[in-house]
Amino acid sequence: MSLREAILHRVRGHGPDELRGVIEDSIGNAEVTLPGLGVLFEIIWQHSAPEDQQRMVEALHGELQKSSS
């Protein structure tokens, strides 16, 4: 089983509140959780409309500009 498959297997069947908990527990924690967030973001990205993808890119860009100042 690949890492992507293992992550999807772990969260499959979770409700929205449980998924939110997984995300919130992973943010700011050990770097070992980053691949899981990447897999979840991949799903979000693939199923987002182009205008939503653009908003995500703009939000990320804006935050990166703040942190580099």
PDB file of N, CA and C in Angstrom:
ATOM      1  N   MET A   1       0.855  -1.173   0.000  1.00  0.00           N
ATOM      2  CA  MET A   1       0.000   0.000   0.000  1.00  0.00           C
ATOM      3  C   MET A   1       0.903   1.238   0.000  1.00  0.00           C
ATOM      4  N   SER A   2       0.598   2.166  -0.903  1.00  0.00           N
ATOM      5  CA  SER A   2       1.379   3.397  -0.972  1.00  0.00           C
ATOM      6  C   SER A   2       1.024   4.320   0.192  1.00  0.00           C
ATOM      7  N   LEU A   3       1.853   5.316   0.410  1.00  0.00           N
ATOM      8  CA  LEU A   3       1.588   6.300   1.467  1.00  0.00           C
ATOM      9  C   LEU A   3       0.253   6.996   1.213  1.00  0.00           C
ATOM     10  N   ARG A   4      -0.008   7.379  -0.033  1.00  0.00           N
ATOM     11  CA  ARG A   4      -1.271   8.042  -0.382  1.00  0.00           C
ATOM     12  C   ARG A   4      -2.454   7.136  -0.039  1.00  0.00           C
ATOM     13  N   GLU A   5      -2.356   5.877  -0.422  1.00  0.00           N
ATOM     14  CA  GLU A   5      -3.437   4.930  -0.138  1.00  0.00           C
ATOM     15  C   GLU A   5      -3.634   4.743   1.363  1.00  0.00           C
ATOM     16  N   ALA A   6      -2.528   4.675   2.106  1.00  0.00           N
ATOM     17  CA  ALA A   6      -2.620   4.505   3.559  1.00  0.00           C
ATOM     18  C   ALA A   6      -3.313   5.698   4.211  1.00  0.00           C
ATOM     19  N   ILE A   7      -2.990   6.885   3.750  1.00  0.00           N
ATOM     20  CA  ILE A   7      -3.604   8.091   4.308  1.00  0.00           C
ATOM     21  C   ILE A   7      -5.094   8.115   3.988  1.00  0.00           C
ATOM     22  N   LEU A   8      -5.441   7.812   2.750  1.00  0.00           N
ATOM     23  CA  LEU A   8      -6.854   7.795   2.366  1.00  0.00           C
ATOM     24  C   LEU A   8      -7.614   6.719   3.124  1.00  0.00           C
ATOM     25  N   HIS A   9      -6.991   5.566   3.321  1.00  0.00           N
ATOM     26  CA  HIS A   9      -7.620   4.486   4.083  1.00  0.00           C
ATOM     27  C   HIS A   9      -7.893   4.937   5.524  1.00  0.00           C
ATOM     28  N   ARG A  10      -6.960   5.689   6.082  1.00  0.00           N
ATOM     29  CA  ARG A  10      -7.081   6.144   7.476  1.00  0.00           C
ATOM     30  C   ARG A  10      -8.259   7.087   7.681  1.00  0.00           C
ATOM     31  N   VAL A  11      -8.553   7.922   6.683  1.00  0.00           N
ATOM     32  CA  VAL A  11      -9.594   8.938   6.871  1.00  0.00           C
ATOM     33  C   VAL A  11     -10.912   8.605   6.170  1.00  0.00           C
ATOM     34  N   ARG A  12     -10.890   7.587   5.339  1.00  0.00           N
ATOM     35  CA  ARG A  12     -12.121   7.206   4.636  1.00  0.00           C
ATOM     36  C   ARG A  12     -13.189   6.844   5.662  1.00  0.00           C
ATOM     37  N   GLY A  13     -14.375   7.349   5.470  1.00  0.00           N
ATOM     38  CA  GLY A  13     -15.470   7.071   6.384  1.00  0.00           C
ATOM     39  C   GLY A  13     -15.600   8.076   7.513  1.00  0.00           C
ATOM     40  N   HIS A  14     -14.629   8.983   7.639  1.00  0.00           N
ATOM     41  CA  HIS A  14     -14.722  10.034   8.654  1.00  0.00           C
ATOM     42  C   HIS A  14     -15.795  11.041   8.249  1.00  0.00           C
ATOM     43  N   GLY A  15     -16.499  11.570   9.218  1.00  0.00           N
ATOM     44  CA  GLY A  15     -17.450  12.638   8.979  1.00  0.00           C
ATOM     45  C   GLY A  15     -16.727  13.970   8.881  1.00  0.00           C
ATOM     46  N   PRO A  16     -17.450  15.021   8.498  1.00  0.00           N
ATOM     47  CA  PRO A  16     -16.829  16.344   8.377  1.00  0.00           C
ATOM     48  C   PRO A  16     -16.121  16.814   9.651  1.00  0.00           C
ATOM     49  N   ASP A  17     -16.721  16.600  10.809  1.00  0.00           N
ATOM     50  CA  ASP A  17     -16.085  17.035  12.057  1.00  0.00           C
ATOM     51  C   ASP A  17     -14.794  16.266  12.322  1.00  0.00           C
ATOM     52  N   GLU A  18     -14.813  14.974  12.016  1.00  0.00           N
ATOM     53  CA  GLU A  18     -13.607  14.163  12.205  1.00  0.00           C
ATOM     54  C   GLU A  18     -12.503  14.591  11.238  1.00  0.00           C
ATOM     55  N   LEU A  19     -12.875  14.876  10.000  1.00  0.00           N
ATOM     56  CA  LEU A  19     -11.884  15.343   9.026  1.00  0.00           C
ATOM     57  C   LEU A  19     -11.288  16.675   9.456  1.00  0.00           C
ATOM     58  N   ARG A  20     -12.127  17.552   9.945  1.00  0.00           N
ATOM     59  CA  ARG A  20     -11.629  18.842  10.446  1.00  0.00           C
ATOM     60  C   ARG A  20     -10.639  18.612  11.590  1.00  0.00           C
ATOM     61  N   GLY A  21     -10.966  17.688  12.476  1.00  0.00           N
ATOM     62  CA  GLY A  21     -10.073  17.362  13.585  1.00  0.00           C
ATOM     63  C   GLY A  21      -8.731  16.840  13.100  1.00  0.00           C
ATOM     64  N   VAL A  22      -8.746  15.968  12.103  1.00  0.00           N
ATOM     65  CA  VAL A  22      -7.502  15.438  11.541  1.00  0.00           C
ATOM     66  C   VAL A  22      -6.660  16.586  11.001  1.00  0.00           C
ATOM     67  N   ILE A  23      -7.299  17.488  10.255  1.00  0.00           N
ATOM     68  CA  ILE A  23      -6.573  18.623   9.677  1.00  0.00           C
ATOM     69  C   ILE A  23      -6.021  19.519  10.777  1.00  0.00           C
ATOM     70  N   GLU A  24      -6.859  19.900  11.715  1.00  0.00           N
ATOM     71  CA  GLU A  24      -6.414  20.814  12.776  1.00  0.00           C
ATOM     72  C   GLU A  24      -5.341  20.183  13.656  1.00  0.00           C
ATOM     73  N   ASP A  25      -5.443  18.884  13.916  1.00  0.00           N
ATOM     74  CA  ASP A  25      -4.422  18.210  14.714  1.00  0.00           C
ATOM     75  C   ASP A  25      -3.086  18.122  13.978  1.00  0.00           C
ATOM     76  N   SER A  26      -3.145  18.101  12.651  1.00  0.00           N
ATOM     77  CA  SER A  26      -1.931  17.964  11.855  1.00  0.00           C
ATOM     78  C   SER A  26      -1.200  19.287  11.657  1.00  0.00           C
ATOM     79  N   ILE A  27      -1.948  20.377  11.606  1.00  0.00           N
ATOM     80  CA  ILE A  27      -1.336  21.683  11.349  1.00  0.00           C
ATOM     81  C   ILE A  27      -0.499  22.101  12.550  1.00  0.00           C
ATOM     82  N   GLY A  28       0.746  22.444  12.268  1.00  0.00           N
ATOM     83  CA  GLY A  28       1.636  22.915  13.316  1.00  0.00           C
ATOM     84  C   GLY A  28       2.250  21.803  14.149  1.00  0.00           C
ATOM     85  N   ASN A  29       1.941  20.565  13.828  1.00  0.00           N
ATOM     86  CA  ASN A  29       2.516  19.437  14.559  1.00  0.00           C
ATOM     87  C   ASN A  29       3.787  18.965  13.878  1.00  0.00           C
ATOM     88  N   ALA A  30       4.201  17.790  14.216  1.00  0.00           N
ATOM     89  CA  ALA A  30       5.426  17.220  13.657  1.00  0.00           C
ATOM     90  C   ALA A  30       5.358  17.176  12.134  1.00  0.00           C
ATOM     91  N   GLU A  31       6.512  17.298  11.506  1.00  0.00           N
ATOM     92  CA  GLU A  31       6.574  17.299  10.055  1.00  0.00           C
ATOM     93  C   GLU A  31       6.085  15.986   9.454  1.00  0.00           C
ATOM     94  N   VAL A  32       6.020  14.955  10.243  1.00  0.00           N
ATOM     95  CA  VAL A  32       5.549  13.661   9.748  1.00  0.00           C
ATOM     96  C   VAL A  32       4.100  13.744   9.280  1.00  0.00           C
ATOM     97  N   THR A  33       3.335  14.729   9.748  1.00  0.00           N
ATOM     98  CA  THR A  33       1.935  14.873   9.339  1.00  0.00           C
ATOM     99  C   THR A  33       1.789  15.600   8.001  1.00  0.00           C
ATOM    100  N   LEU A  34       2.840  16.225   7.511  1.00  0.00           N
ATOM    101  CA  LEU A  34       2.745  17.011   6.277  1.00  0.00           C
ATOM    102  C   LEU A  34       2.342  16.196   5.051  1.00  0.00           C
ATOM    103  N   PRO A  35       2.840  14.981   4.863  1.00  0.00           N
ATOM    104  CA  PRO A  35       2.369  14.208   3.701  1.00  0.00           C
ATOM    105  C   PRO A  35       0.861  13.971   3.728  1.00  0.00           C
ATOM    106  N   GLY A  36       0.303  13.745   4.896  1.00  0.00           N
ATOM    107  CA  GLY A  36      -1.137  13.542   5.007  1.00  0.00           C
ATOM    108  C   GLY A  36      -1.904  14.777   4.595  1.00  0.00           C
ATOM    109  N   LEU A  37      -1.434  15.935   5.034  1.00  0.00           N
ATOM    110  CA  LEU A  37      -2.078  17.188   4.631  1.00  0.00           C
ATOM    111  C   LEU A  37      -1.952  17.395   3.129  1.00  0.00           C
ATOM    112  N   GLY A  38      -0.823  16.979   2.574  1.00  0.00           N
ATOM    113  CA  GLY A  38      -0.629  17.095   1.133  1.00  0.00           C
ATOM    114  C   GLY A  38      -1.624  16.252   0.356  1.00  0.00           C
ATOM    115  N   VAL A  39      -1.867  15.041   0.820  1.00  0.00           N
ATOM    116  CA  VAL A  39      -2.833  14.162   0.162  1.00  0.00           C
ATOM    117  C   VAL A  39      -4.230  14.761   0.259  1.00  0.00           C
ATOM    118  N   LEU A  40      -4.584  15.278   1.427  1.00  0.00           N
ATOM    119  CA  LEU A  40      -5.907  15.884   1.590  1.00  0.00           C
ATOM    120  C   LEU A  40      -6.041  17.136   0.719  1.00  0.00           C
ATOM    121  N   PHE A  41      -4.974  17.936   0.653  1.00  0.00           N
ATOM    122  CA  PHE A  41      -5.015  19.128  -0.196  1.00  0.00           C
ATOM    123  C   PHE A  41      -5.142  18.739  -1.665  1.00  0.00           C
ATOM    124  N   GLU A  42      -4.476  17.663  -2.067  1.00  0.00           N
ATOM    125  CA  GLU A  42      -4.576  17.196  -3.448  1.00  0.00           C
ATOM    126  C   GLU A  42      -6.036  16.917  -3.821  1.00  0.00           C
ATOM    127  N   ILE A  43      -6.768  16.280  -2.915  1.00  0.00           N
ATOM    128  CA  ILE A  43      -8.179  15.980  -3.163  1.00  0.00           C
ATOM    129  C   ILE A  43      -8.983  17.274  -3.269  1.00  0.00           C
ATOM    130  N   ILE A  44      -8.731  18.195  -2.343  1.00  0.00           N
ATOM    131  CA  ILE A  44      -9.433  19.485  -2.381  1.00  0.00           C
ATOM    132  C   ILE A  44      -9.161  20.187  -3.707  1.00  0.00           C
ATOM    133  N   TRP A  45      -7.898  20.232  -4.096  1.00  0.00           N
ATOM    134  CA  TRP A  45      -7.503  20.929  -5.319  1.00  0.00           C
ATOM    135  C   TRP A  45      -8.175  20.312  -6.545  1.00  0.00           C
ATOM    136  N   GLN A  46      -8.137  18.983  -6.621  1.00  0.00           N
ATOM    137  CA  GLN A  46      -8.691  18.292  -7.785  1.00  0.00           C
ATOM    138  C   GLN A  46     -10.199  18.485  -7.920  1.00  0.00           C
ATOM    139  N   HIS A  47     -10.868  18.748  -6.821  1.00  0.00           N
ATOM    140  CA  HIS A  47     -12.323  18.869  -6.853  1.00  0.00           C
ATOM    141  C   HIS A  47     -12.806  20.302  -6.629  1.00  0.00           C
ATOM    142  N   SER A  48     -11.909  21.253  -6.817  1.00  0.00           N
ATOM    143  CA  SER A  48     -12.265  22.666  -6.676  1.00  0.00           C
ATOM    144  C   SER A  48     -12.408  23.302  -8.050  1.00  0.00           C
ATOM    145  N   ALA A  49     -13.336  24.221  -8.127  1.00  0.00           N
ATOM    146  CA  ALA A  49     -13.520  24.987  -9.359  1.00  0.00           C
ATOM    147  C   ALA A  49     -12.298  25.875  -9.581  1.00  0.00           C
ATOM    148  N   PRO A  50     -12.014  26.216 -10.832  1.00  0.00           N
ATOM    149  CA  PRO A  50     -10.845  27.062 -11.114  1.00  0.00           C
ATOM    150  C   PRO A  50     -10.819  28.363 -10.301  1.00  0.00           C
ATOM    151  N   GLU A  51     -11.962  28.980 -10.076  1.00  0.00           N
ATOM    152  CA  GLU A  51     -11.967  30.229  -9.298  1.00  0.00           C
ATOM    153  C   GLU A  51     -11.612  29.968  -7.832  1.00  0.00           C
ATOM    154  N   ASP A  52     -11.997  28.816  -7.309  1.00  0.00           N
ATOM    155  CA  ASP A  52     -11.612  28.464  -5.935  1.00  0.00           C
ATOM    156  C   ASP A  52     -10.118  28.148  -5.862  1.00  0.00           C
ATOM    157  N   GLN A  53      -9.594  27.492  -6.897  1.00  0.00           N
ATOM    158  CA  GLN A  53      -8.147  27.231  -6.947  1.00  0.00           C
ATOM    159  C   GLN A  53      -7.381  28.549  -6.972  1.00  0.00           C
ATOM    160  N   GLN A  54      -7.880  29.498  -7.748  1.00  0.00           N
ATOM    161  CA  GLN A  54      -7.213  30.804  -7.826  1.00  0.00           C
ATOM    162  C   GLN A  54      -7.232  31.504  -6.472  1.00  0.00           C
ATOM    163  N   ARG A  55      -8.356  31.421  -5.756  1.00  0.00           N
ATOM    164  CA  ARG A  55      -8.430  32.032  -4.417  1.00  0.00           C
ATOM    165  C   ARG A  55      -7.429  31.381  -3.473  1.00  0.00           C
ATOM    166  N   MET A  56      -7.275  30.059  -3.555  1.00  0.00           N
ATOM    167  CA  MET A  56      -6.304  29.376  -2.697  1.00  0.00           C
ATOM    168  C   MET A  56      -4.887  29.835  -3.015  1.00  0.00           C
ATOM    169  N   VAL A  57      -4.577  29.944  -4.301  1.00  0.00           N
ATOM    170  CA  VAL A  57      -3.247  30.393  -4.710  1.00  0.00           C
ATOM    171  C   VAL A  57      -2.996  31.817  -4.225  1.00  0.00           C
ATOM    172  N   GLU A  58      -3.991  32.674  -4.373  1.00  0.00           N
ATOM    173  CA  GLU A  58      -3.841  34.067  -3.938  1.00  0.00           C
ATOM    174  C   GLU A  58      -3.684  34.154  -2.423  1.00  0.00           C
ATOM    175  N   ALA A  59      -4.435  33.345  -1.676  1.00  0.00           N
ATOM    176  CA  ALA A  59      -4.302  33.337  -0.215  1.00  0.00           C
ATOM    177  C   ALA A  59      -2.918  32.864   0.183  1.00  0.00           C
ATOM    178  N   LEU A  60      -2.446  31.805  -0.454  1.00  0.00           N
ATOM    179  CA  LEU A  60      -1.110  31.291  -0.156  1.00  0.00           C
ATOM    180  C   LEU A  60      -0.046  32.322  -0.496  1.00  0.00           C
ATOM    181  N   HIS A  61      -0.178  32.913  -1.663  1.00  0.00           N
ATOM    182  CA  HIS A  61       0.793  33.932  -2.074  1.00  0.00           C
ATOM    183  C   HIS A  61       0.819  35.091  -1.084  1.00  0.00           C
ATOM    184  N   GLY A  62      -0.354  35.560  -0.685  1.00  0.00           N
ATOM    185  CA  GLY A  62      -0.424  36.666   0.264  1.00  0.00           C
ATOM    186  C   GLY A  62       0.228  36.315   1.598  1.00  0.00           C
ATOM    187  N   GLU A  63      -0.010  35.122   2.089  1.00  0.00           N
ATOM    188  CA  GLU A  63       0.596  34.717   3.361  1.00  0.00           C
ATOM    189  C   GLU A  63       2.099  34.540   3.248  1.00  0.00           C
ATOM    190  N   LEU A  64       2.559  34.036   2.109  1.00  0.00           N
ATOM    191  CA  LEU A  64       4.004  33.880   1.913  1.00  0.00           C
ATOM    192  C   LEU A  64       4.679  35.237   1.829  1.00  0.00           C
ATOM    193  N   GLN A  65       4.007  36.218   1.239  1.00  0.00           N
ATOM    194  CA  GLN A  65       4.578  37.559   1.171  1.00  0.00           C
ATOM    195  C   GLN A  65       4.696  38.175   2.552  1.00  0.00           C
ATOM    196  N   LYS A  66       3.690  37.924   3.409  1.00  0.00           N
ATOM    197  CA  LYS A  66       3.732  38.433   4.783  1.00  0.00           C
ATOM    198  C   LYS A  66       4.894  37.836   5.556  1.00  0.00           C
ATOM    199  N   SER A  67       5.082  36.540   5.397  1.00  0.00           N
ATOM    200  CA  SER A  67       6.104  35.852   6.193  1.00  0.00           C
ATOM    201  C   SER A  67       7.511  36.152   5.711  1.00  0.00           C
ATOM    202  N   SER A  68       7.659  36.652   4.479  1.00  0.00           N
ATOM    203  CA  SER A  68       9.002  36.961   3.993  1.00  0.00           C
ATOM    204  C   SER A  68       9.396  38.400   4.273  1.00  0.00           C
ATOM    205  N   SER A  69       8.485  39.177   4.816  1.00  0.00           N
ATOM    206  CA  SER A  69       8.763  40.595   5.094  1.00  0.00           C
ATOM    207  C   SER A  69       9.486  40.772   6.406  1.00  0.00           C
TER     208      SER A  69
END
